[in-house]
Amino acid sequence: MHPSPEDVCRRTFLSRAGVGLGACALSGLLARDGLAAALEGNTRRLPERFAGAVDPLHHVPRAKAVIFLCMAGGPSHLETFDYKPELARLDGQDMPESVTAGQPIAQLQGKKLICLGPRATFSPAGRCGAVVSDFLPQMAGLADRLAIVRSMVTEQINHDPAHAFMNCGTALAGRPSMGAWVTYGLGSEADNLPGFVVMTSKIGRNPQPIAARQWHSGFLPGQFQGVEFATSGAPVHYVENPPGVSATHQRELVDTVAALERHRLVTVADPEVATRIKQYELAFRMQTSLPALADLSDETSETLALYGAEPGKATYGTNCLMARRLVERGVRFVHLYNSDWDHHNGIDSYMREICPPTDKATAGLLIDLERRGLLDETLVIWGGEFGRTPMGQNLAKSIGRDHHVKGFSMVLAGGGIKGGLTYGATDDFGYHAVENRVHVRDLHATMLHLLGIDHNRFTVPYQGLDAKLTGVEQARVVSDLLA
């Protein structure tokens, strides 16, 4: 007996039915999430602006945008915001073994541990009396606007995984960065710019390398990945028209390619096809918006001096000014990486080199945001992926400090943050966070809360879990930091 063409075996039926039902389910999910919407006929178009997956917001937001100032390499809390007179008294003496026993140490593992006193002087600042290093006089002058957290802890002791943990909430590869999470959750108010922008700058010695995976979208649709901008030359590579191609021709090309992609989207219901359509259109619109964004000639000489900005140069000051211009235009998340804080040696000279321009631009950004009425709705975060050890390194040569994860400092301002606050504390050596410990996940939970999002409810199904920025471990909103 030979089966007729109409006969279908059980395995074939289940295979075909499963694929069909899966495609229908995926199409439904895409439509629900606003990533692909079917209209009449065979045309499938995307909404002009993605409104955000969290709609409505879980509660009233205090902030609309985030500027994360990442001091890549790990600035020393002991030379910036956490003065330790006891460590100064014990300078040059053996570090008590009771403090370091069983603790993770990077390059000093197995070596004799010697106390290294602060390499800076500290003074009370503002009406709040916050004690801040003389390396950062301009930030100290804004102490009444700052919340200084002295009890941060993280879980990764080497740079790349520590950056991943700070940016993505995990050291595992392939997870979305916090900028991608925020933009996915809230959407963007910028019509002609990406919702998530990244810029980098270098000062002084060999800078800490930053991998593009630190601003990746992970398992979220690719449209939420950070877009790296340059502050010298063209802000975004390959966006400008090639010679001989007019805007009209480019418009026709984008429309034609988008029509082909929409046809494919109907066929395969792949969210990455939907992302490509949106990115083609965004890239076309950016051809007109980017020149105006990058042209700093409309900024006064006073404003340029406030930041220490140098138009045409990829400096931290220029990037801070660009960050303000981006949030003015509705960009949701701006991540600035300022390299060269990995001071295993030469900490005295390197801090004197990197602190003045960093201090000036950071203070300038806060002042400028405030006078333009933007600080109240913009959360600004300053800090690195970890801190530095109270033990000295390279003592016989050029003194520095090793990586440290058990207690370090970060600074927050604007966007619903309580100014004039010093929160948490480390022990007498600056080694362990001993009071009001704040985990990186707590920082993420607090950031999302200020944006109107409950971190426990903001999840995406992934590999059998309801994945979220704050992970499966317990995280808390640090309510004491809120105004």
Protein backbone atom coordinates (compact mmCIF):
# COMPACT_ATOMS: atom_id res chain seq x y z
CA MET A 1 0.00 0.00 0.00
CA HIS A 2 1.35 3.43 -0.95
CA PRO A 3 0.06 6.47 0.99
CA SER A 4 -1.97 8.94 -1.01
CA PRO A 5 -0.75 12.54 -1.34
CA GLU A 6 -3.51 13.55 1.07
CA ASP A 7 -2.18 11.31 3.86
CA VAL A 8 -0.08 13.07 6.51
CA CYS A 9 1.75 11.15 9.22
CA ARG A 10 1.43 12.20 12.88
CA ARG A 11 5.00 13.55 13.11
CA THR A 12 4.60 15.68 9.99
CA PHE A 13 1.27 17.03 11.21
CA LEU A 14 2.68 18.03 14.61
CA SER A 15 5.75 19.60 13.01
CA ARG A 16 3.73 21.66 10.56
CA ALA A 17 1.06 22.58 13.08
CA GLY A 18 3.67 23.58 15.68
CA VAL A 19 5.46 25.89 13.25
CA GLY A 20 2.20 27.44 12.15
CA LEU A 21 0.91 28.00 15.65
CA GLY A 22 4.30 29.35 16.74
CA ALA A 23 4.33 31.86 13.90
CA CYS A 24 0.81 32.98 14.80
CA ALA A 25 1.78 33.37 18.45
CA LEU A 26 4.94 35.32 17.57
CA SER A 27 2.98 37.58 15.25
CA GLY A 28 0.49 38.25 18.04
CA LEU A 29 3.24 39.07 20.50
CA LEU A 30 4.88 41.43 18.03
CA ALA A 31 1.60 43.21 17.47
CA ARG A 32 0.98 43.47 21.20
CA ASP A 33 4.40 44.92 21.90
CA GLY A 34 4.23 47.46 19.12
CA LEU A 35 7.18 45.92 17.25
CA ALA A 36 5.06 45.04 14.19
CA ALA A 37 1.50 46.04 13.46
CA ALA A 38 -0.62 44.67 10.64
CA LEU A 39 -2.78 47.03 8.67
CA GLU A 40 -5.19 46.33 5.83
CA GLY A 41 -4.06 44.23 2.90
CA ASN A 42 -0.54 42.87 2.76
CA THR A 43 1.18 46.01 4.07
CA ARG A 44 2.68 45.93 7.53
CA ARG A 45 3.96 49.17 8.98
CA LEU A 46 5.56 50.17 12.23
CA PRO A 47 4.38 52.97 14.51
CA GLU A 48 6.35 56.19 14.10
CA ARG A 49 7.48 56.07 17.72
CA PHE A 50 7.59 53.09 20.06
CA ALA A 51 5.68 54.14 23.18
CA GLY A 52 7.46 51.74 25.52
CA ALA A 53 6.68 48.29 26.87
CA VAL A 54 5.65 49.73 30.26
CA ASP A 55 2.49 51.55 29.25
CA PRO A 56 1.07 52.91 31.46
CA LEU A 57 3.96 53.45 33.83
CA HIS A 58 3.78 51.61 37.15
CA HIS A 59 3.81 54.89 39.12
CA VAL A 60 4.41 58.60 38.60
CA PRO A 61 8.02 59.10 37.42
CA ARG A 62 10.44 61.60 38.91
CA ALA A 63 12.87 61.46 35.96
CA LYS A 64 12.46 61.28 32.20
CA ALA A 65 16.06 60.64 31.16
CA VAL A 66 19.34 59.25 32.51
CA ILE A 67 22.92 60.43 31.98
CA PHE A 68 25.33 57.82 33.31
CA LEU A 69 28.87 59.18 33.70
CA CYS A 70 31.03 56.04 33.81
CA MET A 71 34.55 56.56 35.14
CA ALA A 72 35.96 53.50 33.39
CA GLY A 73 38.74 51.72 35.24
CA GLY A 74 37.46 52.24 38.76
CA PRO A 75 38.14 55.58 40.51
CA SER A 76 39.49 55.38 44.02
CA HIS A 77 36.85 56.22 46.61
CA LEU A 78 39.72 56.84 49.03
CA GLU A 79 40.91 59.82 46.96
CA THR A 80 37.46 61.21 46.07
CA PHE A 81 34.50 60.81 48.44
CA ASP A 82 35.45 58.52 51.35
CA TYR A 83 37.99 60.03 53.76
CA LYS A 84 39.61 57.55 56.17
CA PRO A 85 41.72 59.19 58.91
CA GLU A 86 42.50 55.78 60.43
CA LEU A 87 43.93 54.61 57.11
CA ALA A 88 46.01 57.79 57.01
CA ARG A 89 47.30 57.04 60.53
CA LEU A 90 48.33 53.50 59.53
CA ASP A 91 49.99 54.54 56.26
CA GLY A 92 52.92 52.20 55.54
CA GLN A 93 51.94 49.61 58.17
CA ASP A 94 50.69 46.07 57.60
CA MET A 95 47.02 45.75 56.74
CA PRO A 96 45.31 43.77 59.54
CA GLU A 97 44.72 40.24 58.28
CA SER A 98 41.31 40.22 59.95
CA VAL A 99 40.14 42.79 57.39
CA THR A 100 41.30 40.98 54.24
CA ALA A 101 41.18 37.27 55.17
CA GLY A 102 39.18 35.28 52.63
CA GLN A 103 38.42 38.34 50.53
CA PRO A 104 38.78 38.51 46.72
CA ILE A 105 41.81 40.54 45.62
CA ALA A 106 42.98 41.04 42.03
CA GLN A 107 46.69 41.65 41.41
CA LEU A 108 47.67 41.81 45.10
CA GLN A 109 46.56 38.22 45.75
CA GLY A 110 49.27 36.39 47.72
CA LYS A 111 51.37 39.53 48.25
CA LYS A 112 52.23 41.43 51.43
CA LEU A 113 49.43 43.94 52.07
CA ILE A 114 50.47 47.40 53.25
CA CYS A 115 48.11 50.25 54.18
CA LEU A 116 48.22 53.22 51.83
CA GLY A 117 46.85 56.44 53.30
CA PRO A 118 44.76 58.89 51.23
CA ARG A 119 46.75 60.69 48.55
CA ALA A 120 44.54 63.78 48.82
CA THR A 121 43.27 66.18 51.45
CA PHE A 122 39.56 66.33 52.26
CA SER A 123 37.38 69.26 53.33
CA PRO A 124 33.73 69.75 54.35
CA ALA A 125 31.63 71.15 51.50
CA GLY A 126 28.28 72.94 51.25
CA ARG A 127 25.69 73.48 53.94
CA CYS A 128 25.40 69.70 54.26
CA GLY A 129 29.06 69.40 55.27
CA ALA A 130 29.82 66.50 52.93
CA VAL A 131 33.53 65.63 53.09
CA VAL A 132 34.96 65.64 49.55
CA SER A 133 38.49 65.36 48.21
CA ASP A 134 40.33 68.49 47.12
CA PHE A 135 40.87 66.65 43.82
CA LEU A 136 37.21 67.51 43.01
CA PRO A 137 36.66 71.12 44.14
CA GLN A 138 33.90 71.96 41.65
CA MET A 139 31.82 68.89 42.48
CA ALA A 140 32.41 69.74 46.15
CA GLY A 141 30.93 73.17 45.43
CA LEU A 142 27.70 71.40 44.37
CA ALA A 143 27.59 69.14 47.44
CA ASP A 144 24.11 70.33 48.42
CA ARG A 145 22.77 68.97 45.11
CA LEU A 146 24.54 65.59 45.38
CA ALA A 147 23.74 62.28 47.02
CA ILE A 148 27.06 60.60 47.79
CA VAL A 149 26.74 56.84 48.29
CA ARG A 150 29.77 55.49 50.17
CA SER A 151 28.60 51.89 50.53
CA MET A 152 28.42 50.49 46.99
CA VAL A 153 29.29 46.83 46.43
CA THR A 154 29.61 44.73 43.30
CA GLU A 155 30.48 41.13 42.46
CA GLN A 156 33.10 41.21 39.69
CA ILE A 157 36.71 42.13 40.41
CA ASN A 158 38.11 42.47 36.86
CA HIS A 159 37.24 45.25 34.46
CA ASP A 160 35.27 43.72 31.60
CA PRO A 161 32.99 41.50 33.73
CA ALA A 162 32.64 44.33 36.27
CA HIS A 163 31.50 46.71 33.51
CA ALA A 164 29.07 44.05 32.30
CA PHE A 165 27.71 43.65 35.82
CA MET A 166 27.32 47.40 36.29
CA ASN A 167 25.76 47.89 32.86
CA CYS A 168 23.71 44.70 32.48
CA GLY A 169 23.13 43.44 36.02
CA THR A 170 25.06 40.26 35.23
CA ALA A 171 28.46 39.23 33.89
CA LEU A 172 26.82 36.74 31.52
CA ALA A 173 27.21 37.63 27.86
CA GLY A 174 24.17 38.35 25.74
CA ARG A 175 22.12 40.28 28.31
CA PRO A 176 20.64 43.73 27.64
CA SER A 177 22.38 46.79 28.99
CA MET A 178 20.54 49.15 31.33
CA GLY A 179 20.22 51.73 28.56
CA ALA A 180 18.52 49.14 26.37
CA TRP A 181 16.20 48.13 29.22
CA VAL A 182 15.24 51.75 29.89
CA THR A 183 14.62 52.56 26.23
CA TYR A 184 12.61 49.35 25.76
CA GLY A 185 10.54 50.14 28.83
CA LEU A 186 9.90 53.83 28.16
CA GLY A 187 10.45 54.32 24.46
CA SER A 188 12.04 57.56 23.30
CA GLU A 189 10.83 61.11 22.88
CA ALA A 190 13.39 61.77 20.13
CA ASP A 191 11.98 61.56 16.60
CA ASN A 192 15.26 62.00 14.74
CA LEU A 193 17.79 60.47 17.14
CA PRO A 194 18.30 57.08 18.82
CA GLY A 195 16.76 56.68 22.26
CA PHE A 196 20.05 55.37 23.69
CA VAL A 197 23.36 57.10 22.85
CA VAL A 198 26.91 56.20 23.93
CA MET A 199 30.05 58.36 23.79
CA THR A 200 33.62 57.69 24.95
CA SER A 201 36.59 59.87 25.87
CA LYS A 202 40.19 59.28 26.91
CA ILE A 203 42.45 61.21 29.25
CA GLY A 204 46.10 60.59 30.05
CA ARG A 205 47.57 57.13 30.37
CA ASN A 206 46.64 53.95 28.48
CA PRO A 207 42.85 54.00 28.84
CA GLN A 208 40.64 51.17 30.01
CA PRO A 209 39.18 49.49 26.87
CA ILE A 210 35.38 49.41 26.58
CA ALA A 211 33.65 46.69 24.55
CA ALA A 212 30.53 47.44 22.48
CA ARG A 213 28.71 44.64 24.31
CA GLN A 214 28.42 47.04 27.25
CA TRP A 215 25.62 48.86 25.40
CA HIS A 216 24.12 45.89 23.55
CA SER A 217 20.40 45.10 23.44
CA GLY A 218 20.96 41.40 24.26
CA PHE A 219 17.75 39.43 23.82
CA LEU A 220 15.69 42.61 23.39
CA PRO A 221 15.00 43.78 19.82
CA GLY A 222 18.02 45.38 18.20
CA GLN A 223 16.39 48.81 17.94
CA PHE A 224 17.09 49.33 21.65
CA GLN A 225 20.86 48.87 21.35
CA GLY A 226 22.97 51.91 22.17
CA VAL A 227 24.31 53.90 19.22
CA GLU A 228 27.88 55.12 19.62
CA PHE A 229 28.36 58.80 18.74
CA ALA A 230 31.67 60.51 18.05
CA THR A 231 32.38 64.11 18.99
CA SER A 232 35.07 64.54 16.34
CA GLY A 233 34.26 64.19 12.67
CA ALA A 234 30.88 62.73 11.73
CA PRO A 235 28.89 61.88 14.89
CA VAL A 236 27.80 58.52 13.40
CA HIS A 237 29.77 56.66 10.75
CA TYR A 238 28.18 55.82 7.37
CA VAL A 239 24.99 57.84 7.95
CA GLU A 240 25.88 60.65 5.53
CA ASN A 241 25.01 60.27 1.85
CA PRO A 242 27.88 59.20 -0.40
CA PRO A 243 29.03 61.71 -3.04
CA GLY A 244 26.53 62.17 -5.85
CA VAL A 245 23.53 60.84 -3.91
CA SER A 246 20.86 63.45 -3.24
CA ALA A 247 18.36 63.43 -0.37
CA THR A 248 15.59 62.65 -2.89
CA HIS A 249 17.42 59.61 -4.21
CA GLN A 250 18.19 58.46 -0.69
CA ARG A 251 14.51 58.83 0.27
CA GLU A 252 13.48 56.69 -2.70
CA LEU A 253 16.05 54.05 -1.79
CA VAL A 254 14.95 53.91 1.85
CA ASP A 255 11.28 53.62 0.80
CA THR A 256 12.04 50.82 -1.65
CA VAL A 257 14.17 48.81 0.78
CA ALA A 258 11.61 49.32 3.55
CA ALA A 259 8.82 48.06 1.26
CA LEU A 260 10.81 44.90 0.56
CA GLU A 261 11.48 44.43 4.26
CA ARG A 262 7.77 44.88 5.08
CA HIS A 263 6.96 42.19 2.56
CA ARG A 264 9.45 39.90 4.27
CA LEU A 265 8.06 40.84 7.70
CA VAL A 266 4.62 39.60 6.64
CA THR A 267 6.22 36.32 5.56
CA VAL A 268 8.54 35.56 8.49
CA ALA A 269 7.28 37.75 11.37
CA ASP A 270 10.88 38.27 12.55
CA PRO A 271 11.26 41.15 15.04
CA GLU A 272 14.74 41.89 13.70
CA VAL A 273 13.22 42.63 10.30
CA ALA A 274 10.94 45.12 12.04
CA THR A 275 14.02 46.61 13.69
CA ARG A 276 15.76 47.02 10.33
CA ILE A 277 12.79 48.92 8.90
CA LYS A 278 12.77 51.35 11.81
CA GLN A 279 16.55 51.80 11.71
CA TYR A 280 16.54 52.58 7.97
CA GLU A 281 14.02 55.32 8.60
CA LEU A 282 15.85 56.61 11.68
CA ALA A 283 19.16 56.72 9.81
CA PHE A 284 17.55 58.78 7.05
CA ARG A 285 16.11 61.26 9.53
CA MET A 286 19.45 61.45 11.37
CA GLN A 287 21.06 62.78 8.18
CA THR A 288 19.34 66.09 8.85
CA SER A 289 19.31 66.07 12.67
CA LEU A 290 22.96 65.12 13.31
CA PRO A 291 24.64 68.17 11.74
CA ALA A 292 22.54 70.50 13.91
CA LEU A 293 23.25 68.38 17.01
CA ALA A 294 27.01 68.35 16.43
CA ASP A 295 27.27 72.04 15.53
CA LEU A 296 28.20 73.75 18.80
CA SER A 297 28.35 77.22 17.26
CA ASP A 298 24.99 78.02 18.86
CA GLU A 299 26.51 77.53 22.33
CA THR A 300 27.88 80.63 24.05
CA SER A 301 31.55 80.95 24.91
CA GLU A 302 30.49 80.97 28.57
CA THR A 303 28.76 77.59 28.16
CA LEU A 304 31.75 76.06 26.36
CA ALA A 305 34.02 77.30 29.16
CA LEU A 306 31.63 75.96 31.80
CA TYR A 307 32.16 72.43 30.50
CA GLY A 308 35.72 72.87 29.28
CA ALA A 309 34.31 71.74 25.94
CA GLU A 310 36.48 71.79 22.82
CA PRO A 311 34.30 71.63 19.69
CA GLY A 312 35.56 69.01 17.27
CA LYS A 313 37.51 67.10 19.93
CA ALA A 314 36.34 63.92 21.66
CA THR A 315 36.93 65.19 25.19
CA TYR A 316 34.91 64.42 28.28
CA GLY A 317 33.86 68.07 28.48
CA THR A 318 32.57 68.04 24.91
CA ASN A 319 30.75 64.77 25.56
CA CYS A 320 29.06 66.19 28.66
CA LEU A 321 27.83 69.17 26.63
CA MET A 322 26.58 66.79 23.94
CA ALA A 323 24.77 64.79 26.63
CA ARG A 324 22.83 67.89 27.62
CA ARG A 325 21.97 68.58 23.97
CA LEU A 326 20.79 64.99 23.56
CA VAL A 327 18.43 64.95 26.54
CA GLU A 328 17.08 68.33 25.38
CA ARG A 329 16.09 66.57 22.16
CA GLY A 330 14.31 63.73 23.92
CA VAL A 331 17.03 61.05 24.07
CA ARG A 332 16.17 58.73 26.94
CA PHE A 333 19.57 57.34 28.04
CA VAL A 334 23.05 58.81 27.49
CA HIS A 335 26.06 56.77 28.63
CA LEU A 336 29.43 58.54 28.74
CA TYR A 337 32.57 56.46 29.27
CA ASN A 338 35.54 58.45 30.60
CA SER A 339 38.58 56.15 30.56
CA ASP A 340 41.84 56.20 32.55
CA TRP A 341 40.88 55.50 36.17
CA ASP A 342 42.79 52.20 36.43
CA HIS A 343 45.57 53.49 38.67
CA HIS A 344 47.64 50.46 39.67
CA ASN A 345 50.60 52.85 39.81
CA GLY A 346 51.26 56.56 39.60
CA ILE A 347 48.00 57.35 41.37
CA ASP A 348 49.25 60.75 42.59
CA SER A 349 50.17 62.08 39.16
CA TYR A 350 47.33 60.41 37.27
CA MET A 351 44.68 61.76 39.66
CA ARG A 352 46.12 65.26 39.24
CA GLU A 353 45.82 64.78 35.47
CA ILE A 354 42.35 63.27 35.14
CA CYS A 355 40.45 64.96 37.97
CA PRO A 356 40.49 68.63 36.85
CA PRO A 357 38.81 68.15 33.43
CA THR A 358 36.46 65.50 34.81
CA ASP A 359 35.51 67.65 37.81
CA LYS A 360 34.94 70.73 35.64
CA ALA A 361 32.77 69.00 33.03
CA THR A 362 30.69 67.06 35.55
CA ALA A 363 29.95 70.19 37.58
CA GLY A 364 29.31 72.12 34.37
CA LEU A 365 26.76 69.53 33.24
CA LEU A 366 24.87 69.72 36.54
CA ILE A 367 24.87 73.53 36.55
CA ASP A 368 23.75 73.74 32.92
CA LEU A 369 20.99 71.16 33.36
CA GLU A 370 19.70 73.04 36.39
CA ARG A 371 19.64 76.48 34.82
CA ARG A 372 17.79 75.07 31.79
CA GLY A 373 15.17 73.39 33.97
CA LEU A 374 16.34 69.89 33.03
CA LEU A 375 18.02 68.65 36.21
CA ASP A 376 14.78 67.86 38.03
CA GLU A 377 13.80 65.44 35.24
CA THR A 378 17.27 64.07 34.43
CA LEU A 379 18.95 61.50 36.67
CA VAL A 380 22.75 61.91 36.62
CA ILE A 381 24.93 59.08 37.96
CA TRP A 382 28.74 59.36 38.42
CA GLY A 383 30.96 56.38 39.23
CA GLY A 384 32.99 53.43 38.01
CA GLU A 385 32.66 49.67 37.86
CA PHE A 386 34.34 49.28 41.29
CA GLY A 387 36.68 51.11 43.68
CA ARG A 388 40.32 50.69 44.74
CA THR A 389 41.98 48.87 47.62
CA PRO A 390 43.12 50.58 50.82
CA MET A 391 46.33 48.56 50.35
CA GLY A 392 49.06 50.04 48.18
CA GLN A 393 50.39 48.46 45.01
CA ASN A 394 53.83 48.83 43.40
CA LEU A 395 55.12 50.38 46.63
CA ALA A 396 58.76 50.16 45.60
CA LYS A 397 58.11 52.00 42.32
CA SER A 398 55.17 54.28 41.53
CA ILE A 399 52.41 53.79 44.10
CA GLY A 400 48.88 52.81 43.08
CA ARG A 401 45.87 50.80 44.22
CA ASP A 402 44.35 47.47 43.10
CA HIS A 403 40.72 46.69 42.14
CA HIS A 404 38.20 46.62 44.98
CA VAL A 405 34.56 45.41 45.10
CA LYS A 406 33.56 45.32 48.79
CA GLY A 407 33.01 49.04 49.28
CA PHE A 408 33.25 52.08 46.99
CA SER A 409 31.50 55.37 46.21
CA MET A 410 29.07 56.66 43.59
CA VAL A 411 27.32 60.02 43.22
CA LEU A 412 23.75 60.72 42.09
CA ALA A 413 22.00 64.01 41.34
CA GLY A 414 18.80 65.39 39.82
CA GLY A 415 15.79 63.33 38.72
CA GLY A 416 14.19 62.89 42.15
CA ILE A 417 17.41 62.41 44.14
CA LYS A 418 17.77 64.02 47.59
CA GLY A 419 20.62 66.54 47.48
CA GLY A 420 23.05 67.21 50.33
CA LEU A 421 23.01 63.57 51.42
CA THR A 422 25.88 61.27 52.36
CA TYR A 423 24.56 57.72 52.50
CA GLY A 424 26.18 54.57 53.83
CA ALA A 425 29.69 54.01 55.10
CA THR A 426 32.68 51.70 54.82
CA ASP A 427 34.84 50.54 57.72
CA ASP A 428 37.82 52.50 59.07
CA PHE A 429 39.98 51.22 56.21
CA GLY A 430 37.50 51.84 53.40
CA TYR A 431 37.44 48.09 52.75
CA HIS A 432 33.98 46.73 53.68
CA ALA A 433 30.64 48.50 53.26
CA VAL A 434 29.30 48.31 56.82
CA GLU A 435 26.35 50.72 56.87
CA ASN A 436 23.40 50.92 54.43
CA ARG A 437 25.04 48.62 51.91
CA VAL A 438 23.95 49.38 48.30
CA HIS A 439 24.36 46.61 45.74
CA VAL A 440 24.60 47.35 42.01
CA ARG A 441 21.15 45.74 41.64
CA ASP A 442 19.80 48.22 44.21
CA LEU A 443 21.19 51.05 42.08
CA HIS A 444 19.36 49.63 39.05
CA ALA A 445 16.12 49.19 41.00
CA THR A 446 16.32 52.80 42.25
CA MET A 447 17.03 54.14 38.76
CA LEU A 448 14.02 52.30 37.31
CA HIS A 449 11.84 53.49 40.19
CA LEU A 450 12.72 57.11 39.48
CA LEU A 451 11.70 56.52 35.84
CA GLY A 452 8.28 55.21 36.90
CA ILE A 453 9.07 51.49 36.61
CA ASP A 454 8.74 48.77 39.26
CA HIS A 455 11.80 46.60 38.64
CA ASN A 456 9.98 43.47 39.87
CA ARG A 457 7.21 43.91 37.29
CA PHE A 458 9.47 44.86 34.37
CA THR A 459 10.26 41.45 32.91
CA VAL A 460 10.75 39.75 29.54
CA PRO A 461 10.37 35.96 29.06
CA TYR A 462 13.78 34.53 28.17
CA GLN A 463 15.01 30.92 28.34
CA GLY A 464 12.28 29.89 30.75
CA LEU A 465 12.72 32.83 33.12
CA ASP A 466 11.05 36.18 33.53
CA ALA A 467 14.30 38.05 32.93
CA LYS A 468 14.80 41.53 34.36
CA LEU A 469 17.59 44.05 34.79
CA THR A 470 17.82 43.37 38.54
CA GLY A 471 18.03 39.58 38.07
CA VAL A 472 16.48 36.88 40.20
CA GLU A 473 18.24 37.94 43.41
CA GLN A 474 16.66 40.33 45.88
CA ALA A 475 17.04 44.02 45.00
CA ARG A 476 15.59 47.07 46.72
CA VAL A 477 14.77 50.64 45.91
CA VAL A 478 16.99 52.80 48.13
CA SER A 479 14.18 55.04 49.32
CA ASP A 480 16.50 57.12 51.54
CA LEU A 481 18.06 58.57 48.37
CA LEU A 482 14.74 59.89 47.07
CA ALA A 483 13.72 63.51 47.53
